[in-house]
Amino acid sequence: MESVENYKRRFGYYPEEVLANKIYRTRENIMALTQLGIKITGPKLGRPKKDEKIDKKTERMAEGERNAVEGKFGQGKRALSLGLIMNKRKDTSETTICFIILVMNLNKKI
């Protein structure tokens, strides 16, 4: 929810959709996003019902989008040392992370 609020502060409106891993798909988060009119993608909570048909195409597309985001984090850790940040202060760590993400975006544009 903090990321959604940061998005609203930055752009002035809430996102249409949130791509979240299973760990973030809690009842609390799902209810809050539903009240704001934001779609959250990912598998439903609990055990799947026997007769329920799942829209596999939509589910696969959402999973692919989440995988792309996770892949970027992996690239940052592997190629740009995102996982090895050893700064002592919070503000210098955040600055380092911002620079690494900036470099990843520049690499994408080139």
PDB file of N, CA and C in Angstrom:
ATOM      1  N   MET A   1       0.822  -1.191   0.000  1.00  0.00           N
ATOM      2  CA  MET A   1       0.000   0.000   0.000  1.00  0.00           C
ATOM      3  C   MET A   1       0.868   1.256   0.000  1.00  0.00           C
ATOM      4  N   GLU A   2       2.041   1.157   0.610  1.00  0.00           N
ATOM      5  CA  GLU A   2       2.944   2.314   0.629  1.00  0.00           C
ATOM      6  C   GLU A   2       3.371   2.681  -0.790  1.00  0.00           C
ATOM      7  N   SER A   3       3.633   1.675  -1.606  1.00  0.00           N
ATOM      8  CA  SER A   3       4.028   1.928  -2.993  1.00  0.00           C
ATOM      9  C   SER A   3       2.885   2.563  -3.786  1.00  0.00           C
ATOM     10  N   VAL A   4       1.661   2.151  -3.511  1.00  0.00           N
ATOM     11  CA  VAL A   4       0.507   2.711  -4.203  1.00  0.00           C
ATOM     12  C   VAL A   4       0.334   4.182  -3.820  1.00  0.00           C
ATOM     13  N   GLU A   5       0.501   4.487  -2.540  1.00  0.00           N
ATOM     14  CA  GLU A   5       0.398   5.881  -2.090  1.00  0.00           C
ATOM     15  C   GLU A   5       1.528   6.734  -2.668  1.00  0.00           C
ATOM     16  N   ASN A   6       2.733   6.172  -2.752  1.00  0.00           N
ATOM     17  CA  ASN A   6       3.853   6.895  -3.372  1.00  0.00           C
ATOM     18  C   ASN A   6       3.567   7.181  -4.841  1.00  0.00           C
ATOM     19  N   TYR A   7       2.945   6.227  -5.525  1.00  0.00           N
ATOM     20  CA  TYR A   7       2.564   6.408  -6.926  1.00  0.00           C
ATOM     21  C   TYR A   7       1.581   7.571  -7.046  1.00  0.00           C
ATOM     22  N   LYS A   8       0.602   7.598  -6.135  1.00  0.00           N
ATOM     23  CA  LYS A   8      -0.399   8.686  -6.171  1.00  0.00           C
ATOM     24  C   LYS A   8       0.261  10.046  -5.925  1.00  0.00           C
ATOM     25  N   ARG A   9       1.189  10.097  -4.955  1.00  0.00           N
ATOM     26  CA  ARG A   9       1.884  11.363  -4.685  1.00  0.00           C
ATOM     27  C   ARG A   9       2.702  11.814  -5.889  1.00  0.00           C
ATOM     28  N   ARG A  10       3.300  10.861  -6.580  1.00  0.00           N
ATOM     29  CA  ARG A  10       4.167  11.197  -7.707  1.00  0.00           C
ATOM     30  C   ARG A  10       3.384  11.627  -8.948  1.00  0.00           C
ATOM     31  N   PHE A  11       2.319  10.890  -9.274  1.00  0.00           N
ATOM     32  CA  PHE A  11       1.601  11.134 -10.522  1.00  0.00           C
ATOM     33  C   PHE A  11       0.255  11.831 -10.343  1.00  0.00           C
ATOM     34  N   GLY A  12      -0.249  11.912  -9.117  1.00  0.00           N
ATOM     35  CA  GLY A  12      -1.505  12.593  -8.864  1.00  0.00           C
ATOM     36  C   GLY A  12      -2.739  11.707  -8.978  1.00  0.00           C
ATOM     37  N   TYR A  13      -2.587  10.434  -9.284  1.00  0.00           N
ATOM     38  CA  TYR A  13      -3.706   9.496  -9.371  1.00  0.00           C
ATOM     39  C   TYR A  13      -3.197   8.098  -9.051  1.00  0.00           C
ATOM     40  N   TYR A  14      -4.136   7.213  -8.708  1.00  0.00           N
ATOM     41  CA  TYR A  14      -3.771   5.833  -8.377  1.00  0.00           C
ATOM     42  C   TYR A  14      -3.551   5.028  -9.656  1.00  0.00           C
ATOM     43  N   PRO A  15      -2.732   3.971  -9.585  1.00  0.00           N
ATOM     44  CA  PRO A  15      -2.554   3.120 -10.776  1.00  0.00           C
ATOM     45  C   PRO A  15      -3.823   2.331 -11.067  1.00  0.00           C
ATOM     46  N   GLU A  16      -3.985   1.917 -12.317  1.00  0.00           N
ATOM     47  CA  GLU A  16      -5.146   1.107 -12.694  1.00  0.00           C
ATOM     48  C   GLU A  16      -5.009  -0.323 -12.177  1.00  0.00           C
ATOM     49  N   GLU A  17      -3.755  -0.795 -12.118  1.00  0.00           N
ATOM     50  CA  GLU A  17      -3.520  -2.197 -11.789  1.00  0.00           C
ATOM     51  C   GLU A  17      -2.236  -2.313 -10.980  1.00  0.00           C
ATOM     52  N   VAL A  18      -2.190  -3.298 -10.072  1.00  0.00           N
ATOM     53  CA  VAL A  18      -1.005  -3.568  -9.273  1.00  0.00           C
ATOM     54  C   VAL A  18      -0.572  -4.997  -9.554  1.00  0.00           C
ATOM     55  N   LEU A  19       0.690  -5.177  -9.913  1.00  0.00           N
ATOM     56  CA  LEU A  19       1.253  -6.507 -10.121  1.00  0.00           C
ATOM     57  C   LEU A  19       1.953  -6.908  -8.828  1.00  0.00           C
ATOM     58  N   ALA A  20       1.412  -7.888  -8.118  1.00  0.00           N
ATOM     59  CA  ALA A  20       1.942  -8.244  -6.807  1.00  0.00           C
ATOM     60  C   ALA A  20       2.243  -9.731  -6.722  1.00  0.00           C
ATOM     61  N   ASN A  21       3.331 -10.058  -6.039  1.00  0.00           N
ATOM     62  CA  ASN A  21       3.643 -11.455  -5.761  1.00  0.00           C
ATOM     63  C   ASN A  21       2.678 -11.984  -4.711  1.00  0.00           C
ATOM     64  N   LYS A  22       2.709 -13.290  -4.482  1.00  0.00           N
ATOM     65  CA  LYS A  22       1.804 -13.912  -3.520  1.00  0.00           C
ATOM     66  C   LYS A  22       1.951 -13.318  -2.122  1.00  0.00           C
ATOM     67  N   ILE A  23       3.159 -12.970  -1.753  1.00  0.00           N
ATOM     68  CA  ILE A  23       3.405 -12.479  -0.399  1.00  0.00           C
ATOM     69  C   ILE A  23       2.669 -11.168  -0.119  1.00  0.00           C
ATOM     70  N   TYR A  24       2.412 -10.374  -1.143  1.00  0.00           N
ATOM     71  CA  TYR A  24       1.738  -9.090  -0.963  1.00  0.00           C
ATOM     72  C   TYR A  24       0.230  -9.174  -1.184  1.00  0.00           C
ATOM     73  N   ARG A  25      -0.253 -10.342  -1.583  1.00  0.00           N
ATOM     74  CA  ARG A  25      -1.694 -10.504  -1.837  1.00  0.00           C
ATOM     75  C   ARG A  25      -2.391 -10.956  -0.566  1.00  0.00           C
ATOM     76  N   THR A  26      -2.371 -10.110   0.444  1.00  0.00           N
ATOM     77  CA  THR A  26      -3.055 -10.405   1.696  1.00  0.00           C
ATOM     78  C   THR A  26      -4.490  -9.899   1.611  1.00  0.00           C
ATOM     79  N   ARG A  27      -5.343 -10.396   2.478  1.00  0.00           N
ATOM     80  CA  ARG A  27      -6.730  -9.944   2.501  1.00  0.00           C
ATOM     81  C   ARG A  27      -6.798  -8.437   2.719  1.00  0.00           C
ATOM     82  N   GLU A  28      -5.941  -7.957   3.606  1.00  0.00           N
ATOM     83  CA  GLU A  28      -5.910  -6.522   3.926  1.00  0.00           C
ATOM     84  C   GLU A  28      -5.571  -5.689   2.694  1.00  0.00           C
ATOM     85  N   ASN A  29      -4.524  -6.078   1.976  1.00  0.00           N
ATOM     86  CA  ASN A  29      -4.117  -5.334   0.772  1.00  0.00           C
ATOM     87  C   ASN A  29      -5.169  -5.436  -0.332  1.00  0.00           C
ATOM     88  N   ILE A  30      -5.747  -6.616  -0.505  1.00  0.00           N
ATOM     89  CA  ILE A  30      -6.754  -6.801  -1.549  1.00  0.00           C
ATOM     90  C   ILE A  30      -7.982  -5.935  -1.260  1.00  0.00           C
ATOM     91  N   MET A  31      -8.419  -5.892   0.003  1.00  0.00           N
ATOM     92  CA  MET A  31      -9.573  -5.069   0.363  1.00  0.00           C
ATOM     93  C   MET A  31      -9.285  -3.585   0.142  1.00  0.00           C
ATOM     94  N   ALA A  32      -8.091  -3.134   0.550  1.00  0.00           N
ATOM     95  CA  ALA A  32      -7.742  -1.719   0.398  1.00  0.00           C
ATOM     96  C   ALA A  32      -7.687  -1.329  -1.076  1.00  0.00           C
ATOM     97  N   LEU A  33      -7.091  -2.173  -1.914  1.00  0.00           N
ATOM     98  CA  LEU A  33      -6.997  -1.874  -3.334  1.00  0.00           C
ATOM     99  C   LEU A  33      -8.374  -1.913  -4.000  1.00  0.00           C
ATOM    100  N   THR A  34      -9.223  -2.845  -3.588  1.00  0.00           N
ATOM    101  CA  THR A  34     -10.573  -2.934  -4.144  1.00  0.00           C
ATOM    102  C   THR A  34     -11.374  -1.680  -3.813  1.00  0.00           C
ATOM    103  N   GLN A  35     -11.233  -1.181  -2.593  1.00  0.00           N
ATOM    104  CA  GLN A  35     -11.947   0.034  -2.202  1.00  0.00           C
ATOM    105  C   GLN A  35     -11.500   1.238  -3.026  1.00  0.00           C
ATOM    106  N   LEU A  36     -10.234   1.245  -3.445  1.00  0.00           N
ATOM    107  CA  LEU A  36      -9.712   2.342  -4.262  1.00  0.00           C
ATOM    108  C   LEU A  36      -9.999   2.131  -5.751  1.00  0.00           C
ATOM    109  N   GLY A  37     -10.558   0.975  -6.109  1.00  0.00           N
ATOM    110  CA  GLY A  37     -10.872   0.691  -7.508  1.00  0.00           C
ATOM    111  C   GLY A  37      -9.657   0.264  -8.316  1.00  0.00           C
ATOM    112  N   ILE A  38      -8.674  -0.305  -7.654  1.00  0.00           N
ATOM    113  CA  ILE A  38      -7.441  -0.743  -8.307  1.00  0.00           C
ATOM    114  C   ILE A  38      -7.494  -2.254  -8.485  1.00  0.00           C
ATOM    115  N   LYS A  39      -7.177  -2.716  -9.689  1.00  0.00           N
ATOM    116  CA  LYS A  39      -7.160  -4.147  -9.983  1.00  0.00           C
ATOM    117  C   LYS A  39      -5.832  -4.721  -9.500  1.00  0.00           C
ATOM    118  N   ILE A  40      -5.874  -5.872  -8.831  1.00  0.00           N
ATOM    119  CA  ILE A  40      -4.655  -6.549  -8.393  1.00  0.00           C
ATOM    120  C   ILE A  40      -4.609  -7.905  -9.091  1.00  0.00           C
ATOM    121  N   THR A  41      -3.483  -8.209  -9.699  1.00  0.00           N
ATOM    122  CA  THR A  41      -3.366  -9.449 -10.459  1.00  0.00           C
ATOM    123  C   THR A  41      -2.605 -10.487  -9.659  1.00  0.00           C
ATOM    124  N   GLY A  42      -2.851 -11.730  -9.986  1.00  0.00           N
ATOM    125  CA  GLY A  42      -2.170 -12.833  -9.338  1.00  0.00           C
ATOM    126  C   GLY A  42      -3.169 -13.891  -8.923  1.00  0.00           C
ATOM    127  N   PRO A  43      -2.663 -15.012  -8.417  1.00  0.00           N
ATOM    128  CA  PRO A  43      -3.553 -16.103  -8.023  1.00  0.00           C
ATOM    129  C   PRO A  43      -4.420 -15.707  -6.829  1.00  0.00           C
ATOM    130  N   LYS A  44      -5.628 -16.265  -6.764  1.00  0.00           N
ATOM    131  CA  LYS A  44      -6.526 -15.971  -5.661  1.00  0.00           C
ATOM    132  C   LYS A  44      -6.018 -16.631  -4.385  1.00  0.00           C
ATOM    133  N   LEU A  45      -6.439 -16.088  -3.254  1.00  0.00           N
ATOM    134  CA  LEU A  45      -6.045 -16.650  -1.966  1.00  0.00           C
ATOM    135  C   LEU A  45      -6.753 -17.980  -1.735  1.00  0.00           C
ATOM    136  N   GLY A  46      -6.095 -18.851  -0.994  1.00  0.00           N
ATOM    137  CA  GLY A  46      -6.702 -20.122  -0.611  1.00  0.00           C
ATOM    138  C   GLY A  46      -6.567 -21.203  -1.666  1.00  0.00           C
ATOM    139  N   ARG A  47      -7.199 -22.311  -1.371  1.00  0.00           N
ATOM    140  CA  ARG A  47      -7.159 -23.466  -2.257  1.00  0.00           C
ATOM    141  C   ARG A  47      -8.111 -23.241  -3.429  1.00  0.00           C
ATOM    142  N   PRO A  48      -7.681 -23.582  -4.662  1.00  0.00           N
ATOM    143  CA  PRO A  48      -8.572 -23.398  -5.811  1.00  0.00           C
ATOM    144  C   PRO A  48      -9.759 -24.361  -5.745  1.00  0.00           C
ATOM    145  N   LYS A  49     -10.919 -23.903  -6.209  1.00  0.00           N
ATOM    146  CA  LYS A  49     -12.122 -24.731  -6.224  1.00  0.00           C
ATOM    147  C   LYS A  49     -12.036 -25.729  -7.373  1.00  0.00           C
ATOM    148  N   LYS A  50     -12.711 -26.858  -7.217  1.00  0.00           N
ATOM    149  CA  LYS A  50     -12.649 -27.928  -8.225  1.00  0.00           C
ATOM    150  C   LYS A  50     -13.206 -27.496  -9.577  1.00  0.00           C
ATOM    151  N   ASP A  51     -14.384 -26.903  -9.568  1.00  0.00           N
ATOM    152  CA  ASP A  51     -15.083 -26.607 -10.813  1.00  0.00           C
ATOM    153  C   ASP A  51     -14.813 -25.217 -11.368  1.00  0.00           C
ATOM    154  N   GLU A  52     -13.969 -24.457 -10.700  1.00  0.00           N
ATOM    155  CA  GLU A  52     -13.740 -23.078 -11.127  1.00  0.00           C
ATOM    156  C   GLU A  52     -12.827 -23.047 -12.353  1.00  0.00           C
ATOM    157  N   LYS A  53     -13.288 -22.342 -13.382  1.00  0.00           N
ATOM    158  CA  LYS A  53     -12.458 -22.185 -14.584  1.00  0.00           C
ATOM    159  C   LYS A  53     -11.618 -20.935 -14.423  1.00  0.00           C
ATOM    160  N   ILE A  54     -10.353 -21.060 -14.687  1.00  0.00           N
ATOM    161  CA  ILE A  54      -9.428 -19.940 -14.546  1.00  0.00           C
ATOM    162  C   ILE A  54      -9.104 -19.423 -15.936  1.00  0.00           C
ATOM    163  N   ASP A  55      -9.109 -18.117 -16.092  1.00  0.00           N
ATOM    164  CA  ASP A  55      -8.733 -17.516 -17.366  1.00  0.00           C
ATOM    165  C   ASP A  55      -7.208 -17.587 -17.474  1.00  0.00           C
ATOM    166  N   LYS A  56      -6.735 -18.683 -18.058  1.00  0.00           N
ATOM    167  CA  LYS A  56      -5.304 -18.952 -18.088  1.00  0.00           C
ATOM    168  C   LYS A  56      -4.529 -17.934 -18.918  1.00  0.00           C
ATOM    169  N   LYS A  57      -5.138 -17.437 -19.975  1.00  0.00           N
ATOM    170  CA  LYS A  57      -4.443 -16.466 -20.821  1.00  0.00           C
ATOM    171  C   LYS A  57      -4.153 -15.188 -20.035  1.00  0.00           C
ATOM    172  N   THR A  58      -5.150 -14.661 -19.330  1.00  0.00           N
ATOM    173  CA  THR A  58      -4.967 -13.450 -18.534  1.00  0.00           C
ATOM    174  C   THR A  58      -3.975 -13.701 -17.408  1.00  0.00           C
ATOM    175  N   GLU A  59      -4.098 -14.864 -16.757  1.00  0.00           N
ATOM    176  CA  GLU A  59      -3.199 -15.196 -15.664  1.00  0.00           C
ATOM    177  C   GLU A  59      -1.750 -15.305 -16.155  1.00  0.00           C
ATOM    178  N   ARG A  60      -1.557 -15.923 -17.310  1.00  0.00           N
ATOM    179  CA  ARG A  60      -0.216 -16.084 -17.868  1.00  0.00           C
ATOM    180  C   ARG A  60       0.401 -14.740 -18.248  1.00  0.00           C
ATOM    181  N   MET A  61      -0.432 -13.837 -18.805  1.00  0.00           N
ATOM    182  CA  MET A  61       0.070 -12.512 -19.168  1.00  0.00           C
ATOM    183  C   MET A  61       0.496 -11.724 -17.928  1.00  0.00           C
ATOM    184  N   ALA A  62      -0.303 -11.780 -16.869  1.00  0.00           N
ATOM    185  CA  ALA A  62       0.030 -11.075 -15.629  1.00  0.00           C
ATOM    186  C   ALA A  62       1.291 -11.658 -15.010  1.00  0.00           C
ATOM    187  N   GLU A  63       1.413 -12.979 -15.050  1.00  0.00           N
ATOM    188  CA  GLU A  63       2.601 -13.629 -14.515  1.00  0.00           C
ATOM    189  C   GLU A  63       3.839 -13.224 -15.310  1.00  0.00           C
ATOM    190  N   GLY A  64       3.704 -13.102 -16.619  1.00  0.00           N
ATOM    191  CA  GLY A  64       4.821 -12.669 -17.463  1.00  0.00           C
ATOM    192  C   GLY A  64       5.258 -11.248 -17.135  1.00  0.00           C
ATOM    193  N   GLU A  65       4.301 -10.369 -16.859  1.00  0.00           N
ATOM    194  CA  GLU A  65       4.653  -8.999 -16.487  1.00  0.00           C
ATOM    195  C   GLU A  65       5.376  -8.966 -15.150  1.00  0.00           C
ATOM    196  N   ARG A  66       4.902  -9.766 -14.181  1.00  0.00           N
ATOM    197  CA  ARG A  66       5.579  -9.821 -12.883  1.00  0.00           C
ATOM    198  C   ARG A  66       6.978 -10.400 -13.038  1.00  0.00           C
ATOM    199  N   ASN A  67       7.131 -11.402 -13.905  1.00  0.00           N
ATOM    200  CA  ASN A  67       8.450 -12.001 -14.128  1.00  0.00           C
ATOM    201  C   ASN A  67       9.424 -10.995 -14.731  1.00  0.00           C
ATOM    202  N   ALA A  68       8.924 -10.114 -15.593  1.00  0.00           N
ATOM    203  CA  ALA A  68       9.793  -9.094 -16.185  1.00  0.00           C
ATOM    204  C   ALA A  68      10.339  -8.161 -15.111  1.00  0.00           C
ATOM    205  N   VAL A  69       9.496  -7.798 -14.163  1.00  0.00           N
ATOM    206  CA  VAL A  69       9.934  -6.924 -13.066  1.00  0.00           C
ATOM    207  C   VAL A  69      10.958  -7.654 -12.202  1.00  0.00           C
ATOM    208  N   GLU A  70      10.671  -8.898 -11.853  1.00  0.00           N
ATOM    209  CA  GLU A  70      11.610  -9.680 -11.042  1.00  0.00           C
ATOM    210  C   GLU A  70      12.938  -9.876 -11.778  1.00  0.00           C
ATOM    211  N   GLY A  71      12.871 -10.033 -13.098  1.00  0.00           N
ATOM    212  CA  GLY A  71      14.087 -10.176 -13.895  1.00  0.00           C
ATOM    213  C   GLY A  71      14.964  -8.942 -13.828  1.00  0.00           C
ATOM    214  N   LYS A  72      14.337  -7.763 -13.797  1.00  0.00           N
ATOM    215  CA  LYS A  72      15.102  -6.519 -13.679  1.00  0.00           C
ATOM    216  C   LYS A  72      15.825  -6.443 -12.349  1.00  0.00           C
ATOM    217  N   PHE A  73      15.148  -6.896 -11.273  1.00  0.00           N
ATOM    218  CA  PHE A  73      15.824  -6.925  -9.978  1.00  0.00           C
ATOM    219  C   PHE A  73      17.009  -7.888 -10.024  1.00  0.00           C
ATOM    220  N   GLY A  74      16.817  -9.033 -10.664  1.00  0.00           N
ATOM    221  CA  GLY A  74      17.908  -9.996 -10.804  1.00  0.00           C
ATOM    222  C   GLY A  74      19.071  -9.425 -11.594  1.00  0.00           C
ATOM    223  N   GLN A  75      18.765  -8.706 -12.666  1.00  0.00           N
ATOM    224  CA  GLN A  75      19.813  -8.069 -13.466  1.00  0.00           C
ATOM    225  C   GLN A  75      20.570  -7.048 -12.624  1.00  0.00           C
ATOM    226  N   GLY A  76      19.852  -6.264 -11.845  1.00  0.00           N
ATOM    227  CA  GLY A  76      20.500  -5.268 -10.986  1.00  0.00           C
ATOM    228  C   GLY A  76      21.407  -5.912  -9.963  1.00  0.00           C
ATOM    229  N   LYS A  77      20.978  -7.041  -9.406  1.00  0.00           N
ATOM    230  CA  LYS A  77      21.799  -7.740  -8.419  1.00  0.00           C
ATOM    231  C   LYS A  77      23.016  -8.392  -9.064  1.00  0.00           C
ATOM    232  N   ARG A  78      22.805  -9.006 -10.227  1.00  0.00           N
ATOM    233  CA  ARG A  78      23.860  -9.757 -10.890  1.00  0.00           C
ATOM    234  C   ARG A  78      24.879  -8.855 -11.572  1.00  0.00           C
ATOM    235  N   ALA A  79      24.414  -7.903 -12.348  1.00  0.00           N
ATOM    236  CA  ALA A  79      25.327  -7.116 -13.191  1.00  0.00           C
ATOM    237  C   ALA A  79      25.742  -5.795 -12.563  1.00  0.00           C
ATOM    238  N   LEU A  80      24.903  -5.230 -11.694  1.00  0.00           N
ATOM    239  CA  LEU A  80      25.184  -3.891 -11.192  1.00  0.00           C
ATOM    240  C   LEU A  80      25.347  -3.844  -9.675  1.00  0.00           C
ATOM    241  N   SER A  81      25.539  -4.987  -9.042  1.00  0.00           N
ATOM    242  CA  SER A  81      25.825  -5.096  -7.600  1.00  0.00           C
ATOM    243  C   SER A  81      24.723  -4.524  -6.715  1.00  0.00           C
ATOM    244  N   LEU A  82      23.491  -4.607  -7.135  1.00  0.00           N
ATOM    245  CA  LEU A  82      22.375  -4.103  -6.334  1.00  0.00           C
ATOM    246  C   LEU A  82      22.242  -4.865  -5.017  1.00  0.00           C
ATOM    247  N   GLY A  83      22.642  -6.115  -5.011  1.00  0.00           N
ATOM    248  CA  GLY A  83      22.556  -6.924  -3.792  1.00  0.00           C
ATOM    249  C   GLY A  83      23.736  -6.767  -2.860  1.00  0.00           C
ATOM    250  N   LEU A  84      24.711  -5.961  -3.228  1.00  0.00           N
ATOM    251  CA  LEU A  84      25.928  -5.815  -2.427  1.00  0.00           C
ATOM    252  C   LEU A  84      26.102  -4.423  -1.836  1.00  0.00           C
ATOM    253  N   ILE A  85      25.035  -3.703  -1.653  1.00  0.00           N
ATOM    254  CA  ILE A  85      25.129  -2.342  -1.127  1.00  0.00           C
ATOM    255  C   ILE A  85      25.497  -2.406   0.342  1.00  0.00           C
ATOM    256  N   MET A  86      26.587  -1.730   0.712  1.00  0.00           N
ATOM    257  CA  MET A  86      27.106  -1.809   2.076  1.00  0.00           C
ATOM    258  C   MET A  86      27.166  -0.435   2.755  1.00  0.00           C
ATOM    259  N   ASN A  87      26.426   0.532   2.252  1.00  0.00           N
ATOM    260  CA  ASN A  87      26.448   1.861   2.859  1.00  0.00           C
ATOM    261  C   ASN A  87      25.877   1.785   4.270  1.00  0.00           C
ATOM    262  N   LYS A  88      26.405   2.620   5.155  1.00  0.00           N
ATOM    263  CA  LYS A  88      25.964   2.571   6.543  1.00  0.00           C
ATOM    264  C   LYS A  88      24.715   3.393   6.789  1.00  0.00           C
ATOM    265  N   ARG A  89      24.582   4.493   6.099  1.00  0.00           N
ATOM    266  CA  ARG A  89      23.443   5.376   6.325  1.00  0.00           C
ATOM    267  C   ARG A  89      22.324   5.074   5.346  1.00  0.00           C
ATOM    268  N   LYS A  90      21.090   5.286   5.793  1.00  0.00           N
ATOM    269  CA  LYS A  90      19.920   5.009   4.966  1.00  0.00           C
ATOM    270  C   LYS A  90      19.900   5.889   3.723  1.00  0.00           C
ATOM    271  N   ASP A  91      20.188   7.176   3.876  1.00  0.00           N
ATOM    272  CA  ASP A  91      20.107   8.083   2.724  1.00  0.00           C
ATOM    273  C   ASP A  91      21.161   7.772   1.663  1.00  0.00           C
ATOM    274  N   THR A  92      22.358   7.342   2.077  1.00  0.00           N
ATOM    275  CA  THR A  92      23.367   6.993   1.069  1.00  0.00           C
ATOM    276  C   THR A  92      23.013   5.673   0.379  1.00  0.00           C
ATOM    277  N   SER A  93      22.394   4.742   1.122  1.00  0.00           N
ATOM    278  CA  SER A  93      21.944   3.487   0.504  1.00  0.00           C
ATOM    279  C   SER A  93      20.855   3.767  -0.539  1.00  0.00           C
ATOM    280  N   GLU A  94      19.905   4.632  -0.196  1.00  0.00           N
ATOM    281  CA  GLU A  94      18.834   4.972  -1.136  1.00  0.00           C
ATOM    282  C   GLU A  94      19.385   5.667  -2.372  1.00  0.00           C
ATOM    283  N   THR A  95      20.380   6.534  -2.190  1.00  0.00           N
ATOM    284  CA  THR A  95      21.005   7.212  -3.324  1.00  0.00           C
ATOM    285  C   THR A  95      21.700   6.213  -4.233  1.00  0.00           C
ATOM    286  N   THR A  96      22.403   5.261  -3.635  1.00  0.00           N
ATOM    287  CA  THR A  96      23.093   4.229  -4.416  1.00  0.00           C
ATOM    288  C   THR A  96      22.091   3.411  -5.225  1.00  0.00           C
ATOM    289  N   ILE A  97      20.987   3.019  -4.601  1.00  0.00           N
ATOM    290  CA  ILE A  97      19.952   2.245  -5.290  1.00  0.00           C
ATOM    291  C   ILE A  97      19.370   3.051  -6.447  1.00  0.00           C
ATOM    292  N   CYS A  98      19.110   4.341  -6.220  1.00  0.00           N
ATOM    293  CA  CYS A  98      18.567   5.201  -7.288  1.00  0.00           C
ATOM    294  C   CYS A  98      19.530   5.294  -8.467  1.00  0.00           C
ATOM    295  N   PHE A  99      20.830   5.407  -8.185  1.00  0.00           N
ATOM    296  CA  PHE A  99      21.808   5.478  -9.268  1.00  0.00           C
ATOM    297  C   PHE A  99      21.868   4.177 -10.055  1.00  0.00           C
ATOM    298  N   ILE A 100      21.783   3.045  -9.356  1.00  0.00           N
ATOM    299  CA  ILE A 100      21.810   1.752 -10.046  1.00  0.00           C
ATOM    300  C   ILE A 100      20.588   1.618 -10.953  1.00  0.00           C
ATOM    301  N   ILE A 101      19.418   2.013 -10.466  1.00  0.00           N
ATOM    302  CA  ILE A 101      18.201   1.942 -11.287  1.00  0.00           C
ATOM    303  C   ILE A 101      18.300   2.903 -12.463  1.00  0.00           C
ATOM    304  N   LEU A 102      18.895   4.064 -12.248  1.00  0.00           N
ATOM    305  CA  LEU A 102      19.114   5.019 -13.340  1.00  0.00           C
ATOM    306  C   LEU A 102      19.997   4.398 -14.420  1.00  0.00           C
ATOM    307  N   VAL A 103      21.063   3.732 -14.015  1.00  0.00           N
ATOM    308  CA  VAL A 103      21.965   3.082 -14.974  1.00  0.00           C
ATOM    309  C   VAL A 103      21.236   1.967 -15.724  1.00  0.00           C
ATOM    310  N   MET A 104      20.383   1.211 -15.014  1.00  0.00           N
ATOM    311  CA  MET A 104      19.612   0.152 -15.681  1.00  0.00           C
ATOM    312  C   MET A 104      18.684   0.750 -16.738  1.00  0.00           C
ATOM    313  N   ASN A 105      18.054   1.887 -16.427  1.00  0.00           N
ATOM    314  CA  ASN A 105      17.179   2.544 -17.397  1.00  0.00           C
ATOM    315  C   ASN A 105      17.967   3.107 -18.579  1.00  0.00           C
ATOM    316  N   LEU A 106      19.151   3.636 -18.298  1.00  0.00           N
ATOM    317  CA  LEU A 106      19.985   4.141 -19.395  1.00  0.00           C
ATOM    318  C   LEU A 106      20.438   3.011 -20.301  1.00  0.00           C
ATOM    319  N   ASN A 107      20.783   1.872 -19.708  1.00  0.00           N
ATOM    320  CA  ASN A 107      21.167   0.705 -20.510  1.00  0.00           C
ATOM    321  C   ASN A 107      20.028   0.251 -21.401  1.00  0.00           C
ATOM    322  N   LYS A 108      18.809   0.344 -20.907  1.00  0.00           N
ATOM    323  CA  LYS A 108      17.639  -0.065 -21.679  1.00  0.00           C
ATOM    324  C   LYS A 108      17.416   0.871 -22.876  1.00  0.00           C
ATOM    325  N   LYS A 109      17.663   2.169 -22.705  1.00  0.00           N
ATOM    326  CA  LYS A 109      17.445   3.140 -23.767  1.00  0.00           C
ATOM    327  C   LYS A 109      18.520   3.072 -24.856  1.00  0.00           C
ATOM    328  N   ILE A 110      19.682   2.632 -24.479  1.00  0.00           N
ATOM    329  CA  ILE A 110      20.801   2.595 -25.446  1.00  0.00           C
ATOM    330  C   ILE A 110      20.768   1.360 -26.298  1.00  0.00           C
TER     331      ILE A 110
END
